[in-house]
C-alpha cells in the first residue's frame, strides 16, 4: 500500500520477467503516477520507467519559488531545456537536483532552513554539491526569498551563466 495516498500499489507479477513487465507498462504510456497505474517510484525506477515528481510540487503550491523559477526559465529557454527535480545525474547516486539545464551542465539548487533542518543535512548537501562538480556540473544556489523578491535578476544571472557555458 502506498502510504502517501492509501491506495494499493500494482503488484509486481512474480511470474513475469521484469523486462517484459516494463515493456508492457511502457507500451501503455503510463508512468509511476499515471492514471490507473499504481507503482511506487522505486518499482518504476527498477523497471526503467520515468518517475515524475515535478508536477506534484507545482500543484501543491503554485507560489513555490522552485516552480516559479522553473516556469520563468522555461519561458526564456524553452520547455525541454529546463528540467525540474531531476534524479540520477551522478551514476550510482540517487541525488535529486532541484532544476537542471542539461545543455549548459548547470544545476540550480534551493537553500534555506526548510531544506536543511540540521547540521547533518547541511553537510550532506555540501557533499552532494561537490559530487555534482566532480562530475562536470556547475551548481548555482538561491534562497526562496531571492526568487520571490527579485526573480528577474535571478533569471538574468542564470541565463548569463548558462549562455557562457554553451559558448
C-alpha atoms as a PDB file:
ATOM      1  CA  UNK A   1       0.000   0.000   0.000  1.00  0.00           C
ATOM      2  CA  UNK A   2       1.251   3.479  -0.840  1.00  0.00           C
ATOM      3  CA  UNK A   3       1.420   5.364   2.463  1.00  0.00           C
ATOM      4  CA  UNK A   4       1.119   8.749   0.776  1.00  0.00           C
ATOM      5  CA  UNK A   5      -2.352   8.189  -0.639  1.00  0.00           C
ATOM      6  CA  UNK A   6      -3.631   4.979   0.955  1.00  0.00           C
ATOM      7  CA  UNK A   7      -4.161   3.253  -2.429  1.00  0.00           C
ATOM      8  CA  UNK A   8      -2.871  -0.176  -3.265  1.00  0.00           C
ATOM      9  CA  UNK A   9       0.183  -0.384  -5.472  1.00  0.00           C
ATOM     10  CA  UNK A  10       0.150  -2.546  -8.556  1.00  0.00           C
ATOM     11  CA  UNK A  11       1.636  -5.910  -7.585  1.00  0.00           C
ATOM     12  CA  UNK A  12       4.763  -6.976  -9.364  1.00  0.00           C
ATOM     13  CA  UNK A  13       3.780 -10.222 -11.091  1.00  0.00           C
ATOM     14  CA  UNK A  14       6.459 -12.635  -9.905  1.00  0.00           C
ATOM     15  CA  UNK A  15       5.901 -14.984 -12.861  1.00  0.00           C
ATOM     16  CA  UNK A  16       6.576 -12.197 -15.390  1.00  0.00           C
ATOM     17  CA  UNK A  17      10.199 -11.196 -16.089  1.00  0.00           C
ATOM     18  CA  UNK A  18      10.900  -7.581 -15.135  1.00  0.00           C
ATOM     19  CA  UNK A  19      11.887  -6.643 -18.698  1.00  0.00           C
ATOM     20  CA  UNK A  20       8.619  -7.957 -20.128  1.00  0.00           C
ATOM     21  CA  UNK A  21       6.606  -6.229 -17.372  1.00  0.00           C
ATOM     22  CA  UNK A  22       8.454  -2.966 -18.089  1.00  0.00           C
ATOM     23  CA  UNK A  23       7.720  -3.242 -21.807  1.00  0.00           C
ATOM     24  CA  UNK A  24       4.017  -3.839 -21.190  1.00  0.00           C
ATOM     25  CA  UNK A  25       3.849  -0.796 -18.924  1.00  0.00           C
ATOM     26  CA  UNK A  26       5.846   1.365 -21.327  1.00  0.00           C
ATOM     27  CA  UNK A  27       3.516   0.451 -24.208  1.00  0.00           C
ATOM     28  CA  UNK A  28       0.585   1.601 -22.099  1.00  0.00           C
ATOM     29  CA  UNK A  29       2.139   5.081 -21.948  1.00  0.00           C
ATOM     30  CA  UNK A  30       1.861   5.147 -18.170  1.00  0.00           C
ATOM     31  CA  UNK A  31       4.400   6.389 -15.665  1.00  0.00           C
ATOM     32  CA  UNK A  32       4.726   5.577 -11.983  1.00  0.00           C
ATOM     33  CA  UNK A  33       1.950   8.032 -11.141  1.00  0.00           C
ATOM     34  CA  UNK A  34      -0.109   7.611 -14.284  1.00  0.00           C
ATOM     35  CA  UNK A  35      -3.872   7.301 -14.088  1.00  0.00           C
ATOM     36  CA  UNK A  36      -4.858   3.733 -13.264  1.00  0.00           C
ATOM     37  CA  UNK A  37      -1.300   2.588 -12.606  1.00  0.00           C
ATOM     38  CA  UNK A  38      -0.137   2.391  -9.019  1.00  0.00           C
ATOM     39  CA  UNK A  39       3.559   1.657  -8.990  1.00  0.00           C
ATOM     40  CA  UNK A  40       5.738   3.108  -6.307  1.00  0.00           C
ATOM     41  CA  UNK A  41       8.562   5.349  -7.573  1.00  0.00           C
ATOM     42  CA  UNK A  42      11.029   2.628  -6.521  1.00  0.00           C
ATOM     43  CA  UNK A  43       9.156  -0.009  -8.557  1.00  0.00           C
ATOM     44  CA  UNK A  44       9.044   2.290 -11.584  1.00  0.00           C
ATOM     45  CA  UNK A  45      12.780   3.044 -11.329  1.00  0.00           C
ATOM     46  CA  UNK A  46      13.532  -0.681 -11.048  1.00  0.00           C
ATOM     47  CA  UNK A  47      11.663  -1.181 -14.322  1.00  0.00           C
ATOM     48  CA  UNK A  48      13.407   1.742 -16.002  1.00  0.00           C
ATOM     49  CA  UNK A  49      10.174   3.750 -16.264  1.00  0.00           C
ATOM     50  CA  UNK A  50      10.159   7.530 -15.844  1.00  0.00           C
ATOM     51  CA  UNK A  51       9.325   8.826 -12.385  1.00  0.00           C
ATOM     52  CA  UNK A  52       7.523  12.142 -12.451  1.00  0.00           C
ATOM     53  CA  UNK A  53       7.759  14.365  -9.397  1.00  0.00           C
ATOM     54  CA  UNK A  54       7.912  17.896 -10.744  1.00  0.00           C
ATOM     55  CA  UNK A  55       4.232  18.402 -11.441  1.00  0.00           C
ATOM     56  CA  UNK A  56       3.180  17.445  -7.934  1.00  0.00           C
ATOM     57  CA  UNK A  57       5.321  20.154  -6.383  1.00  0.00           C
ATOM     58  CA  UNK A  58       3.817  22.906  -8.525  1.00  0.00           C
ATOM     59  CA  UNK A  59       0.265  21.645  -7.956  1.00  0.00           C
ATOM     60  CA  UNK A  60       0.774  21.608  -4.190  1.00  0.00           C
ATOM     61  CA  UNK A  61       1.884  25.223  -4.090  1.00  0.00           C
ATOM     62  CA  UNK A  62       1.751  27.348  -7.249  1.00  0.00           C
ATOM     63  CA  UNK A  63       3.626  30.085  -5.352  1.00  0.00           C
ATOM     64  CA  UNK A  64       6.551  27.751  -4.691  1.00  0.00           C
ATOM     65  CA  UNK A  65       9.771  29.577  -5.674  1.00  0.00           C
ATOM     66  CA  UNK A  66      11.168  26.482  -7.386  1.00  0.00           C
ATOM     67  CA  UNK A  67       8.075  26.165  -9.579  1.00  0.00           C
ATOM     68  CA  UNK A  68       8.135  29.915 -10.294  1.00  0.00           C
ATOM     69  CA  UNK A  69      11.807  29.856 -11.306  1.00  0.00           C
ATOM     70  CA  UNK A  70      11.303  26.751 -13.444  1.00  0.00           C
ATOM     71  CA  UNK A  71       8.439  28.449 -15.303  1.00  0.00           C
ATOM     72  CA  UNK A  72      10.435  31.671 -15.802  1.00  0.00           C
ATOM     73  CA  UNK A  73      13.444  29.770 -17.159  1.00  0.00           C
ATOM     74  CA  UNK A  74      11.270  27.658 -19.449  1.00  0.00           C
ATOM     75  CA  UNK A  75       9.731  30.841 -20.821  1.00  0.00           C
ATOM     76  CA  UNK A  76      13.214  32.056 -21.799  1.00  0.00           C
ATOM     77  CA  UNK A  77      14.913  28.776 -22.788  1.00  0.00           C
ATOM     78  CA  UNK A  78      12.058  26.501 -23.842  1.00  0.00           C
ATOM     79  CA  UNK A  79      10.072  23.796 -22.101  1.00  0.00           C
ATOM     80  CA  UNK A  80      12.502  20.942 -22.757  1.00  0.00           C
ATOM     81  CA  UNK A  81      15.638  22.945 -21.912  1.00  0.00           C
ATOM     82  CA  UNK A  82      14.805  23.260 -18.197  1.00  0.00           C
ATOM     83  CA  UNK A  83      14.155  20.127 -16.152  1.00  0.00           C
ATOM     84  CA  UNK A  84      12.782  20.267 -12.600  1.00  0.00           C
ATOM     85  CA  UNK A  85      13.587  17.710  -9.908  1.00  0.00           C
ATOM     86  CA  UNK A  86      15.988  15.515 -11.864  1.00  0.00           C
ATOM     87  CA  UNK A  87      17.335  12.314 -10.353  1.00  0.00           C
ATOM     88  CA  UNK A  88      20.351  10.182 -11.228  1.00  0.00           C
ATOM     89  CA  UNK A  89      22.667  12.839 -12.672  1.00  0.00           C
ATOM     90  CA  UNK A  90      25.547  11.092 -10.949  1.00  0.00           C
ATOM     91  CA  UNK A  91      25.924   7.401 -11.806  1.00  0.00           C
ATOM     92  CA  UNK A  92      25.298   5.194  -8.813  1.00  0.00           C
ATOM     93  CA  UNK A  93      23.915   8.017  -6.647  1.00  0.00           C
ATOM     94  CA  UNK A  94      20.242   8.800  -6.099  1.00  0.00           C
ATOM     95  CA  UNK A  95      20.588  12.550  -5.650  1.00  0.00           C
ATOM     96  CA  UNK A  96      17.844  14.876  -6.841  1.00  0.00           C
ATOM     97  CA  UNK A  97      18.720  18.224  -8.359  1.00  0.00           C
ATOM     98  CA  UNK A  98      16.075  20.948  -7.959  1.00  0.00           C
ATOM     99  CA  UNK A  99      16.424  22.344 -11.502  1.00  0.00           C
ATOM    100  CA  UNK A 100      18.767  21.260 -14.306  1.00  0.00           C
ATOM    101  CA  UNK A 101      19.718  22.937 -17.578  1.00  0.00           C
ATOM    102  CA  UNK A 102      21.424  19.995 -19.311  1.00  0.00           C
ATOM    103  CA  UNK A 103      22.770  21.905 -22.345  1.00  0.00           C
ATOM    104  CA  UNK A 104      24.973  24.018 -20.075  1.00  0.00           C
ATOM    105  CA  UNK A 105      25.527  21.299 -17.430  1.00  0.00           C
ATOM    106  CA  UNK A 106      24.017  23.622 -14.850  1.00  0.00           C
ATOM    107  CA  UNK A 107      22.326  22.528 -11.609  1.00  0.00           C
ATOM    108  CA  UNK A 108      20.230  25.040  -9.668  1.00  0.00           C
ATOM    109  CA  UNK A 109      19.647  24.281  -6.004  1.00  0.00           C
ATOM    110  CA  UNK A 110      17.477  25.969  -3.392  1.00  0.00           C
ATOM    111  CA  UNK A 111      18.839  26.633   0.081  1.00  0.00           C
ATOM    112  CA  UNK A 112      17.116  27.528   3.291  1.00  0.00           C
ATOM    113  CA  UNK A 113      16.106  26.257   6.685  1.00  0.00           C
ATOM    114  CA  UNK A 114      13.193  24.263   5.273  1.00  0.00           C
ATOM    115  CA  UNK A 115      15.689  22.181   3.269  1.00  0.00           C
ATOM    116  CA  UNK A 116      18.468  21.948   5.864  1.00  0.00           C
ATOM    117  CA  UNK A 117      16.865  21.445   9.244  1.00  0.00           C
ATOM    118  CA  UNK A 118      20.012  20.013  10.759  1.00  0.00           C
ATOM    119  CA  UNK A 119      23.761  20.325  10.594  1.00  0.00           C
ATOM    120  CA  UNK A 120      23.960  16.827   9.089  1.00  0.00           C
ATOM    121  CA  UNK A 121      21.520  17.760   6.293  1.00  0.00           C
ATOM    122  CA  UNK A 122      23.528  20.888   5.524  1.00  0.00           C
ATOM    123  CA  UNK A 123      26.781  18.898   5.421  1.00  0.00           C
ATOM    124  CA  UNK A 124      25.252  16.203   3.212  1.00  0.00           C
ATOM    125  CA  UNK A 125      24.115  18.909   0.789  1.00  0.00           C
ATOM    126  CA  UNK A 126      27.681  20.229   0.505  1.00  0.00           C
ATOM    127  CA  UNK A 127      28.992  16.715  -0.191  1.00  0.00           C
ATOM    128  CA  UNK A 128      26.319  16.361  -2.870  1.00  0.00           C
ATOM    129  CA  UNK A 129      27.344  19.672  -4.451  1.00  0.00           C
ATOM    130  CA  UNK A 130      30.971  18.573  -4.535  1.00  0.00           C
ATOM    131  CA  UNK A 131      29.961  15.360  -6.329  1.00  0.00           C
ATOM    132  CA  UNK A 132      27.966  17.342  -8.891  1.00  0.00           C
ATOM    133  CA  UNK A 133      31.050  19.491  -9.549  1.00  0.00           C
ATOM    134  CA  UNK A 134      33.329  16.446  -9.704  1.00  0.00           C
ATOM    135  CA  UNK A 135      31.069  15.033 -12.429  1.00  0.00           C
ATOM    136  CA  UNK A 136      31.224  18.184 -14.550  1.00  0.00           C
ATOM    137  CA  UNK A 137      28.124  20.067 -13.350  1.00  0.00           C
ATOM    138  CA  UNK A 138      28.147  23.699 -12.258  1.00  0.00           C
ATOM    139  CA  UNK A 139      25.960  24.444  -9.251  1.00  0.00           C
ATOM    140  CA  UNK A 140      24.109  27.683  -8.517  1.00  0.00           C
ATOM    141  CA  UNK A 141      22.335  28.173  -5.180  1.00  0.00           C
ATOM    142  CA  UNK A 142      19.455  30.504  -4.409  1.00  0.00           C
ATOM    143  CA  UNK A 143      17.242  31.237  -1.439  1.00  0.00           C
ATOM    144  CA  UNK A 144      13.473  31.251  -1.822  1.00  0.00           C
ATOM    145  CA  UNK A 145      13.439  34.937  -0.872  1.00  0.00           C
ATOM    146  CA  UNK A 146      15.771  35.798  -3.767  1.00  0.00           C
ATOM    147  CA  UNK A 147      13.359  34.231  -6.251  1.00  0.00           C
ATOM    148  CA  UNK A 148      10.272  35.807  -4.671  1.00  0.00           C
ATOM    149  CA  UNK A 149      11.789  39.285  -4.308  1.00  0.00           C
ATOM    150  CA  UNK A 150      13.966  39.566  -7.421  1.00  0.00           C
ATOM    151  CA  UNK A 151      13.016  36.930  -9.984  1.00  0.00           C
ATOM    152  CA  UNK A 152      14.251  38.961 -12.962  1.00  0.00           C
ATOM    153  CA  UNK A 153      17.746  39.298 -11.501  1.00  0.00           C
ATOM    154  CA  UNK A 154      17.931  35.593 -10.609  1.00  0.00           C
ATOM    155  CA  UNK A 155      16.809  34.586 -14.110  1.00  0.00           C
ATOM    156  CA  UNK A 156      19.291  37.014 -15.714  1.00  0.00           C
ATOM    157  CA  UNK A 157      22.140  35.593 -13.629  1.00  0.00           C
ATOM    158  CA  UNK A 158      21.242  32.026 -14.566  1.00  0.00           C
ATOM    159  CA  UNK A 159      20.893  32.902 -18.257  1.00  0.00           C
ATOM    160  CA  UNK A 160      24.294  34.666 -18.252  1.00  0.00           C
ATOM    161  CA  UNK A 161      25.993  31.632 -16.757  1.00  0.00           C
ATOM    162  CA  UNK A 162      24.065  29.167 -18.935  1.00  0.00           C
ATOM    163  CA  UNK A 163      24.904  31.044 -22.130  1.00  0.00           C
ATOM    164  CA  UNK A 164      28.581  31.303 -21.145  1.00  0.00           C
ATOM    165  CA  UNK A 165      28.607  27.534 -20.565  1.00  0.00           C
ATOM    166  CA  UNK A 166      27.142  26.832 -24.006  1.00  0.00           C
ATOM    167  CA  UNK A 167      29.569  29.132 -25.815  1.00  0.00           C
END
